[in-house]
Amino acid sequence: MKRSLLPLLGLLLVFGPAARADDFYGLFEQSVFGRYSLGLGARAWGMGGAQLAVLGDPAADSSWNPAGLTSFTRPSVALSYAREDLRLVPGDTGISFYFYGTPANGRIQELDSAASGSALDFAAVACPFRLLGRTIVAQFSYRRQIPYTFDIDYGYAYRYTAYYTFNYDYLYSAAPSGGLDALTLSLATEVVQGVRAGVNLHRRAMSFTLPTRESYAYSLANYYGWDGDWREDLSDRVELRGTGVSADFGLLADIQGKIFAGVVFRTGFEADLDYSNAAEYHDSYTGESLGGSAAGQGRISFPASFGYGGAVRPLPGLTVALDVVQTFWSKARIRDYARANARGGIPAARDYGFPTLRPPEVVGQRDTSSTHAGLEYELRLRSLRLPLRCGLFQEKHFFYDRQGERVSSFGYAVGLGLRFGGAALDLAWVQASAKGHYRRDSLRVSLQYAL
């Protein structure tokens, strides 16, 4: 009986639900890993992420361009918090086709699906000091560069009617936890008048756990005289652990405090990897239960990136900025990795693309690029300063949809700040959308106090 359903299931894969599921997973991966080569802080994201050539972000200067630390003139402490929400707008799609010469109608009704998470992503202490007649700014910081802690739910309902009725409900849930963290020492100085240089030295630590569960609940009526229902359930668990080192190098030049240019190169990093994974499958119709697991040691590589940007201050208090960042995700790999399947088979260890965990010769990852534009205007009310911000950005992702088209997100941001004495508070709200079907919202808050 199951064999006779294969042509129908093949049509389902072509006509949409699986395609949208893959898009949702890909956009979730991009929303998490796409921030790897970008910086943090509410001021920067209030300007749409255009920060490589902008001085004076008190909460996260070094995470964008370490040369920007030279704007610190007093010891200071800073914190930054972020919340991310990825939502799939439910759809209701009708499909008409012929099945063995008989008109058939199907309908895909997507459920309200989302991924959400939050993290304290930046904490730092910065201090300027004099050495050999030169002012140097040092900063020690903790960064959660990639937050993995999310709650994810996705699902759709399929309804099909011809000579018989065939329905199924698909549900996917996951609760990844952990993150890619960095303890960072940053140093910056003005090497010649108008030219500043800086470096970030990172000690990276990755701890990632991904438990997932997929279920199909089928029901079939009047199919060769058989009525019934059954379920298929697949659970999977992946754990990755690794440590490594990397560096960022930045330059920032300004002409009379009105025209600025910034360049940043991030080296990427490789890490020794401890991994384990396990999969289980159960079919309530056949009573079949299967499982398999694997564990071992390998290597993981995160990509290098290169960014450049410019900014101008045409009027006092007004800053306009534009950045471009390229990240070489086509080179990201997990090496010597064995992936178990639910049938108990453990293939030989091999290389996979990361984070997709797919063979690179089968489904290749592409390099990503993002363009960011923003402006800031600062109002002054005696000793109180109120920066107002807005920005736009485009992100070209590392995955393609089922039609082979490159997926891109477009977004905008608004932000505001409050400056009083040595205290600073910044807020930003960022929204991005892709394919008219997905939306990512982010709320960012940064605090800083200069002693």
Protein backbone atom coordinates (compact mmCIF):
# COMPACT_ATOMS: atom_id res chain seq x y z
CA MET A 1 0.00 0.00 0.00
CA LYS A 2 2.77 2.48 0.91
CA ARG A 3 4.46 1.91 -2.46
CA SER A 4 1.34 3.15 -4.31
CA LEU A 5 1.60 6.48 -2.49
CA LEU A 6 5.07 7.30 -3.81
CA PRO A 7 3.92 9.14 -6.99
CA LEU A 8 1.65 11.33 -4.89
CA LEU A 9 4.34 12.08 -2.32
CA GLY A 10 6.69 12.98 -5.16
CA LEU A 11 4.18 15.54 -6.40
CA LEU A 12 3.95 17.02 -2.92
CA LEU A 13 7.69 17.60 -2.88
CA VAL A 14 7.48 19.45 -6.17
CA PHE A 15 4.39 21.54 -5.51
CA GLY A 16 5.37 23.54 -2.52
CA PRO A 17 5.24 22.40 1.11
CA ALA A 18 8.70 20.85 1.16
CA ALA A 19 10.08 23.83 -0.75
CA ARG A 20 8.72 26.26 1.78
CA ALA A 21 9.95 24.10 4.65
CA ASP A 22 13.47 24.16 3.19
CA ASP A 23 13.22 27.93 2.77
CA PHE A 24 12.18 28.31 6.40
CA TYR A 25 15.13 26.24 7.62
CA GLY A 26 17.49 28.14 5.32
CA LEU A 27 16.24 31.51 6.52
CA PHE A 28 16.60 30.38 10.11
CA GLU A 29 20.21 29.35 9.44
CA GLN A 30 20.86 32.68 7.74
CA SER A 31 19.26 34.68 10.55
CA VAL A 32 21.61 32.97 13.01
CA PHE A 33 24.84 32.61 11.04
CA GLY A 34 24.43 35.71 8.86
CA ARG A 35 25.42 37.88 11.83
CA TYR A 36 28.78 36.10 12.16
CA SER A 37 30.75 38.73 10.19
CA LEU A 38 28.71 41.73 11.34
CA GLY A 39 28.95 43.70 14.55
CA LEU A 40 26.73 44.29 17.53
CA GLY A 41 25.11 47.21 19.33
CA ALA A 42 21.90 49.21 19.02
CA ARG A 43 23.47 52.36 17.61
CA ALA A 44 24.95 50.52 14.63
CA TRP A 45 21.78 48.55 13.88
CA GLY A 46 19.66 51.66 14.27
CA MET A 47 21.62 52.87 11.22
CA GLY A 48 20.90 49.62 9.36
CA GLY A 49 24.31 48.11 10.18
CA ALA A 50 26.32 50.86 8.43
CA GLN A 51 29.13 51.25 10.95
CA LEU A 52 32.55 50.37 9.49
CA ALA A 53 33.51 54.02 8.98
CA VAL A 54 31.57 55.61 11.85
CA LEU A 55 33.23 56.70 15.08
CA GLY A 56 31.69 56.88 18.50
CA ASP A 57 29.50 53.81 19.09
CA PRO A 58 29.94 53.52 22.87
CA ALA A 59 28.52 49.99 23.13
CA ALA A 60 30.21 48.03 20.35
CA ASP A 61 32.77 50.02 18.31
CA SER A 62 35.33 47.23 18.19
CA SER A 63 32.85 44.61 16.97
CA TRP A 64 32.48 46.53 13.68
CA ASN A 65 35.88 48.14 13.21
CA PRO A 66 38.47 47.83 15.99
CA ALA A 67 40.08 51.08 14.82
CA GLY A 68 36.97 52.89 16.07
CA LEU A 69 38.06 52.31 19.68
CA THR A 70 40.27 55.37 19.37
CA SER A 71 37.18 57.52 19.98
CA PHE A 72 37.21 56.42 23.64
CA THR A 73 38.84 59.08 25.83
CA ARG A 74 37.80 57.75 29.25
CA PRO A 75 37.50 54.31 30.84
CA SER A 76 34.04 52.88 30.10
CA VAL A 77 31.84 49.83 30.48
CA ALA A 78 29.18 48.66 28.02
CA LEU A 79 26.43 46.05 27.64
CA SER A 80 24.28 45.04 24.65
CA TYR A 81 21.16 42.84 24.45
CA ALA A 82 19.37 41.47 21.38
CA ARG A 83 16.16 39.58 20.69
CA GLU A 84 15.46 37.93 17.31
CA ASP A 85 12.15 36.61 15.94
CA LEU A 86 11.77 34.85 12.59
CA ARG A 87 8.20 34.32 11.42
CA LEU A 88 6.68 32.55 8.42
CA VAL A 89 3.47 34.21 7.27
CA PRO A 90 0.92 31.36 6.89
CA GLY A 91 -0.20 30.56 3.37
CA ASP A 92 -3.07 28.58 1.85
CA THR A 93 -2.17 27.19 -1.56
CA GLY A 94 -4.44 25.23 -3.89
CA ILE A 95 -3.00 22.62 -6.29
CA SER A 96 -4.84 20.99 -9.21
CA PHE A 97 -3.36 18.17 -11.28
CA TYR A 98 -4.19 14.76 -12.77
CA PHE A 99 -3.37 11.57 -10.90
CA TYR A 100 -3.53 8.44 -13.10
CA GLY A 101 -5.84 10.35 -15.47
CA THR A 102 -8.23 11.47 -12.72
CA PRO A 103 -8.66 15.16 -11.74
CA ALA A 104 -7.30 15.73 -8.25
CA ASN A 105 -7.24 18.69 -5.91
CA GLY A 106 -4.94 19.36 -3.03
CA ARG A 107 -4.54 22.20 -0.60
CA ILE A 108 -1.58 23.18 1.54
CA GLN A 109 -2.41 25.21 4.61
CA GLU A 110 0.66 26.41 6.47
CA LEU A 111 0.57 26.92 10.20
CA ASP A 112 1.81 30.00 11.97
CA SER A 113 5.52 29.14 12.27
CA ALA A 114 8.28 30.93 14.14
CA ALA A 115 11.76 30.88 15.61
CA SER A 116 12.67 33.21 18.47
CA GLY A 117 15.51 33.76 20.91
CA SER A 118 17.40 36.37 22.90
CA ALA A 119 20.83 36.88 24.44
CA LEU A 120 23.12 39.31 26.21
CA ASP A 121 25.47 39.50 23.25
CA PHE A 122 28.13 42.00 24.34
CA ALA A 123 29.83 43.11 27.57
CA ALA A 124 33.03 45.15 27.61
CA VAL A 125 35.45 47.25 29.61
CA ALA A 126 37.62 49.77 27.72
CA CYS A 127 40.47 51.93 28.97
CA PRO A 128 42.83 54.39 27.22
CA PHE A 129 46.45 54.60 28.36
CA ARG A 130 49.74 56.13 27.28
CA LEU A 131 52.67 54.04 26.05
CA LEU A 132 55.87 55.46 24.55
CA GLY A 133 54.20 58.80 24.00
CA ARG A 134 51.23 57.29 22.15
CA THR A 135 47.62 56.94 23.29
CA ILE A 136 46.37 53.36 23.02
CA VAL A 137 42.86 52.16 23.82
CA ALA A 138 42.50 48.62 25.15
CA GLN A 139 39.20 46.79 25.49
CA PHE A 140 38.40 43.40 26.98
CA SER A 141 35.01 42.03 25.95
CA TYR A 142 32.71 39.03 25.91
CA ARG A 143 30.67 38.51 22.74
CA ARG A 144 27.98 36.03 21.84
CA GLN A 145 28.72 36.31 18.14
CA ILE A 146 26.16 33.68 17.13
CA PRO A 147 23.27 32.90 19.52
CA TYR A 148 21.99 29.36 19.05
CA THR A 149 19.32 29.43 21.77
CA PHE A 150 16.00 29.54 19.91
CA ASP A 151 12.59 27.89 20.02
CA ILE A 152 11.53 26.80 16.53
CA ASP A 153 8.16 25.56 15.33
CA TYR A 154 7.06 24.96 11.76
CA GLY A 155 4.16 23.07 10.24
CA TYR A 156 1.62 22.70 7.48
CA ALA A 157 -1.53 20.69 6.78
CA TYR A 158 -2.11 18.98 3.41
CA ARG A 159 -5.59 18.04 2.23
CA TYR A 160 -6.14 15.97 -0.96
CA THR A 161 -9.36 14.74 -2.60
CA ALA A 162 -9.93 12.62 -5.76
CA TYR A 163 -11.47 9.11 -5.80
CA TYR A 164 -10.18 8.94 -2.26
CA THR A 165 -9.14 11.30 0.53
CA PHE A 166 -5.54 11.60 1.62
CA ASN A 167 -4.54 14.06 4.36
CA TYR A 168 -1.46 14.62 6.41
CA ASP A 169 -0.16 17.12 8.96
CA TYR A 170 3.53 17.93 9.20
CA LEU A 171 5.09 19.39 12.32
CA TYR A 172 8.72 20.32 12.96
CA SER A 173 10.06 21.55 16.28
CA ALA A 174 13.55 22.23 17.57
CA ALA A 175 15.15 23.77 20.63
CA PRO A 176 18.78 24.58 19.79
CA SER A 177 20.91 25.91 22.62
CA GLY A 178 24.39 27.26 23.14
CA GLY A 179 26.33 29.72 21.04
CA LEU A 180 29.56 30.83 19.43
CA ASP A 181 31.24 32.98 22.06
CA ALA A 182 34.42 35.03 22.05
CA LEU A 183 36.66 36.51 24.70
CA THR A 184 38.31 39.40 22.91
CA LEU A 185 41.28 41.69 23.53
CA SER A 186 41.11 44.81 21.36
CA LEU A 187 43.84 47.40 20.83
CA ALA A 188 43.64 50.61 18.79
CA THR A 189 45.69 53.74 18.20
CA GLU A 190 46.10 56.64 15.81
CA VAL A 191 49.15 55.69 13.73
CA VAL A 192 49.42 59.03 11.91
CA GLN A 193 47.19 62.05 11.97
CA GLY A 194 43.78 61.09 10.60
CA VAL A 195 44.58 57.36 10.25
CA ARG A 196 43.61 54.92 12.99
CA ALA A 197 44.35 51.19 13.24
CA GLY A 198 43.00 48.46 15.47
CA VAL A 199 43.02 44.73 16.04
CA ASN A 200 40.70 42.24 17.78
CA LEU A 201 42.22 39.02 19.08
CA HIS A 202 39.50 36.42 19.72
CA ARG A 203 39.49 33.24 21.72
CA ARG A 204 36.48 31.39 20.28
CA ALA A 205 34.40 28.73 21.99
CA MET A 206 31.51 26.94 20.28
CA SER A 207 28.96 24.87 22.19
CA PHE A 208 25.94 23.81 20.15
CA THR A 209 23.14 21.33 20.82
CA LEU A 210 20.30 20.84 18.32
CA PRO A 211 17.47 18.42 19.22
CA THR A 212 14.77 18.24 16.53
CA ARG A 213 11.56 16.31 15.98
CA GLU A 214 9.54 15.81 12.80
CA SER A 215 6.21 14.07 12.58
CA TYR A 216 3.78 13.15 9.80
CA ALA A 217 0.21 12.23 10.80
CA TYR A 218 -1.51 10.54 7.81
CA SER A 219 -5.13 9.62 7.21
CA LEU A 220 -6.49 7.72 4.18
CA ALA A 221 -10.10 6.97 3.29
CA ASN A 222 -11.68 4.72 0.61
CA TYR A 223 -8.41 3.82 -1.05
CA TYR A 224 -8.96 0.32 -2.53
CA GLY A 225 -11.35 -0.29 0.35
CA TRP A 226 -8.89 0.60 3.10
CA ASP A 227 -9.49 3.30 5.71
CA GLY A 228 -7.03 4.17 8.42
CA ASP A 229 -4.40 6.48 9.81
CA TRP A 230 -0.82 6.21 10.97
CA ARG A 231 2.16 8.33 12.04
CA GLU A 232 5.80 8.60 11.20
CA ASP A 233 8.11 10.27 13.71
CA LEU A 234 11.76 11.17 13.29
CA SER A 235 13.90 12.65 16.05
CA ASP A 236 17.46 13.85 15.70
CA ARG A 237 20.08 15.32 18.02
CA VAL A 238 23.36 16.97 17.05
CA GLU A 239 26.04 18.23 19.46
CA LEU A 240 29.14 20.19 18.41
CA ARG A 241 31.96 21.47 20.64
CA GLY A 242 35.09 23.32 19.58
CA THR A 243 37.57 26.11 20.37
CA GLY A 244 39.83 28.23 18.18
CA VAL A 245 41.40 31.67 17.68
CA SER A 246 40.89 34.42 15.11
CA ALA A 247 41.66 38.09 14.53
CA ASP A 248 40.07 41.19 13.00
CA PHE A 249 42.18 43.99 11.48
CA GLY A 250 40.73 47.41 10.87
CA LEU A 251 41.74 50.80 9.46
CA LEU A 252 39.77 54.02 9.71
CA ALA A 253 40.71 57.33 8.07
CA ASP A 254 39.08 60.73 8.35
CA ILE A 255 39.51 64.05 6.62
CA GLN A 256 38.91 67.02 8.94
CA GLY A 257 36.26 65.08 10.82
CA LYS A 258 33.84 65.26 7.87
CA ILE A 259 34.74 62.41 5.50
CA PHE A 260 35.51 58.90 6.77
CA ALA A 261 36.57 55.58 5.24
CA GLY A 262 36.89 52.21 6.96
CA VAL A 263 38.20 48.76 6.01
CA VAL A 264 37.98 45.53 8.06
CA PHE A 265 39.31 42.02 7.40
CA ARG A 266 38.27 39.12 9.62
CA THR A 267 40.42 36.01 9.39
CA GLY A 268 37.80 33.37 10.13
CA PHE A 269 39.01 30.45 12.21
CA GLU A 270 39.42 26.70 12.42
CA ALA A 271 38.74 24.64 15.51
CA ASP A 272 39.14 21.09 16.70
CA LEU A 273 35.67 19.58 16.89
CA ASP A 274 34.09 17.05 19.22
CA TYR A 275 30.76 15.88 17.87
CA SER A 276 27.96 13.43 18.44
CA ASN A 277 24.66 12.81 16.68
CA ALA A 278 21.78 10.38 16.99
CA ALA A 279 18.63 9.71 14.98
CA GLU A 280 15.52 7.64 15.73
CA TYR A 281 12.56 6.69 13.52
CA HIS A 282 9.19 5.14 14.37
CA ASP A 283 6.32 4.08 12.06
CA SER A 284 3.05 3.39 13.87
CA TYR A 285 1.61 1.53 10.86
CA THR A 286 4.36 -1.04 10.47
CA GLY A 287 5.51 -0.89 14.09
CA GLU A 288 9.04 -0.30 12.82
CA SER A 289 11.44 1.48 15.19
CA LEU A 290 15.00 2.25 14.14
CA GLY A 291 17.93 4.25 15.43
CA GLY A 292 21.58 5.05 14.94
CA SER A 293 24.29 7.24 16.48
CA ALA A 294 27.81 8.46 15.79
CA ALA A 295 30.50 10.35 17.68
CA GLY A 296 34.06 11.39 17.01
CA GLN A 297 36.52 14.20 16.44
CA GLY A 298 36.95 16.40 13.39
CA ARG A 299 37.59 19.99 12.36
CA ILE A 300 35.30 22.94 11.70
CA SER A 301 36.11 26.09 9.76
CA PHE A 302 34.27 29.40 9.90
CA PRO A 303 34.69 31.80 6.97
CA ALA A 304 36.82 34.91 6.58
CA SER A 305 35.15 38.17 5.58
CA PHE A 306 36.04 41.57 4.16
CA GLY A 307 34.16 44.82 4.61
CA TYR A 308 34.57 48.42 3.55
CA GLY A 309 32.55 51.56 4.05
CA GLY A 310 32.39 55.31 3.98
CA ALA A 311 30.66 58.06 5.94
CA VAL A 312 30.21 61.83 5.65
CA ARG A 313 29.10 64.58 8.02
CA PRO A 314 27.68 67.26 5.72
CA LEU A 315 26.11 69.15 8.63
CA PRO A 316 26.88 69.33 12.35
CA GLY A 317 25.19 66.39 14.05
CA LEU A 318 24.30 64.61 10.77
CA THR A 319 26.13 61.42 9.70
CA VAL A 320 25.40 59.44 6.52
CA ALA A 321 27.10 56.02 6.05
CA LEU A 322 27.30 53.19 3.51
CA ASP A 323 28.96 49.74 4.00
CA VAL A 324 29.49 46.53 2.01
CA VAL A 325 30.47 43.23 3.68
CA GLN A 326 31.38 39.97 1.91
CA THR A 327 31.62 36.65 3.79
CA PHE A 328 33.17 33.57 2.21
CA TRP A 329 30.65 30.94 3.32
CA SER A 330 31.50 28.73 0.33
CA LYS A 331 34.66 27.77 2.26
CA ALA A 332 32.94 26.92 5.58
CA ARG A 333 33.26 23.19 6.35
CA ILE A 334 32.91 20.46 8.90
CA ARG A 335 35.70 17.99 8.16
CA ASP A 336 36.02 14.32 9.11
CA TYR A 337 32.41 14.26 10.26
CA ALA A 338 30.30 11.09 10.39
CA ARG A 339 26.52 11.59 10.22
CA ALA A 340 24.38 8.69 11.50
CA ASN A 341 20.94 7.96 10.10
CA ALA A 342 17.91 6.38 11.73
CA ARG A 343 18.45 3.05 9.96
CA GLY A 344 21.57 2.45 12.00
CA GLY A 345 24.02 3.11 9.21
CA ILE A 346 27.10 5.22 9.92
CA PRO A 347 28.79 6.31 6.69
CA ALA A 348 32.49 7.00 6.56
CA ALA A 349 33.58 10.37 7.95
CA ARG A 350 33.71 13.04 5.26
CA ASP A 351 33.46 16.80 4.69
CA TYR A 352 30.18 18.72 4.77
CA GLY A 353 29.24 22.33 4.19
CA PHE A 354 28.56 24.32 7.32
CA PRO A 355 26.01 25.18 8.63
CA THR A 356 23.86 23.28 6.11
CA LEU A 357 25.54 19.90 6.92
CA ARG A 358 25.10 18.86 3.30
CA PRO A 359 27.79 17.49 0.97
CA PRO A 360 29.26 20.56 -0.79
CA GLU A 361 29.35 18.80 -4.16
CA VAL A 362 25.59 18.12 -3.89
CA VAL A 363 24.28 21.37 -2.39
CA GLY A 364 26.93 24.08 -2.48
CA GLN A 365 26.90 27.09 -0.19
CA ARG A 366 27.57 30.46 -1.75
CA ASP A 367 29.46 33.45 -0.45
CA THR A 368 27.19 36.08 1.04
CA SER A 369 27.20 39.83 0.69
CA SER A 370 25.33 42.57 2.47
CA THR A 371 24.92 46.27 1.78
CA HIS A 372 24.02 48.70 4.55
CA ALA A 373 23.06 52.37 4.43
CA GLY A 374 22.09 54.60 7.33
CA LEU A 375 21.96 58.06 8.80
CA GLU A 376 22.00 59.63 12.23
CA TYR A 377 20.95 63.11 13.30
CA GLU A 378 21.70 64.27 16.81
CA LEU A 379 19.43 66.77 18.54
CA ARG A 380 20.93 68.80 21.40
CA LEU A 381 18.90 70.11 24.33
CA ARG A 382 21.42 71.81 26.60
CA SER A 383 23.41 68.96 28.18
CA LEU A 384 21.07 66.30 26.77
CA ARG A 385 21.68 64.75 23.33
CA LEU A 386 19.06 62.74 21.41
CA PRO A 387 20.39 60.84 18.36
CA LEU A 388 17.72 59.79 15.84
CA ARG A 389 18.62 57.02 13.35
CA CYS A 390 17.32 55.04 10.41
CA GLY A 391 18.79 52.65 7.85
CA LEU A 392 18.26 50.19 4.99
CA PHE A 393 20.07 46.97 4.10
CA GLN A 394 20.08 44.04 1.69
CA GLU A 395 21.49 40.58 2.47
CA LYS A 396 22.23 37.96 -0.21
CA HIS A 397 22.07 34.59 1.54
CA PHE A 398 24.21 31.47 1.23
CA PHE A 399 21.34 29.22 0.09
CA TYR A 400 18.97 28.92 -2.87
CA ASP A 401 15.28 28.10 -3.01
CA ARG A 402 13.85 25.03 -4.76
CA GLN A 403 13.62 26.99 -8.01
CA GLY A 404 17.37 27.58 -7.95
CA GLU A 405 17.05 31.29 -7.24
CA ARG A 406 19.36 33.13 -4.84
CA VAL A 407 17.42 34.19 -1.74
CA SER A 408 17.84 37.77 -0.56
CA SER A 409 16.44 39.71 2.38
CA PHE A 410 15.59 43.38 2.42
CA GLY A 411 15.28 45.30 5.64
CA TYR A 412 15.03 48.62 7.39
CA ALA A 413 15.80 49.91 10.86
CA VAL A 414 14.93 52.78 13.15
CA GLY A 415 16.68 53.76 16.34
CA LEU A 416 17.11 56.44 18.96
CA GLY A 417 19.53 57.25 21.71
CA LEU A 418 19.94 59.25 24.87
CA ARG A 419 23.21 60.85 25.99
CA PHE A 420 23.64 62.57 29.33
CA GLY A 421 27.08 63.12 30.78
CA GLY A 422 28.96 59.84 30.59
CA ALA A 423 25.80 57.71 30.30
CA ALA A 424 24.37 56.44 27.00
CA LEU A 425 21.27 54.40 26.16
CA ASP A 426 20.52 53.21 22.60
CA LEU A 427 17.51 51.35 21.19
CA ALA A 428 17.00 49.88 17.72
CA TRP A 429 14.25 47.97 15.98
CA VAL A 430 15.20 46.08 12.82
CA GLN A 431 12.93 44.26 10.37
CA ALA A 432 13.89 42.17 7.33
CA SER A 433 11.75 40.17 4.91
CA ALA A 434 12.39 37.66 2.10
CA LYS A 435 10.23 36.37 -0.76
CA GLY A 436 7.22 38.20 0.64
CA HIS A 437 6.65 35.25 2.94
CA TYR A 438 9.15 35.56 5.81
CA ARG A 439 9.86 38.29 8.33
CA ARG A 440 12.63 38.70 10.88
CA ASP A 441 12.31 41.24 13.68
CA SER A 442 15.10 42.26 16.03
CA LEU A 443 15.10 44.44 19.12
CA ARG A 444 18.45 45.71 20.36
CA VAL A 445 19.35 47.63 23.51
CA SER A 446 22.78 48.99 24.45
CA LEU A 447 24.00 50.69 27.62
CA GLN A 448 27.31 52.45 28.29
CA TYR A 449 28.85 54.49 31.05
CA ALA A 450 32.11 56.42 30.77
CA LEU A 451 33.89 57.01 34.09
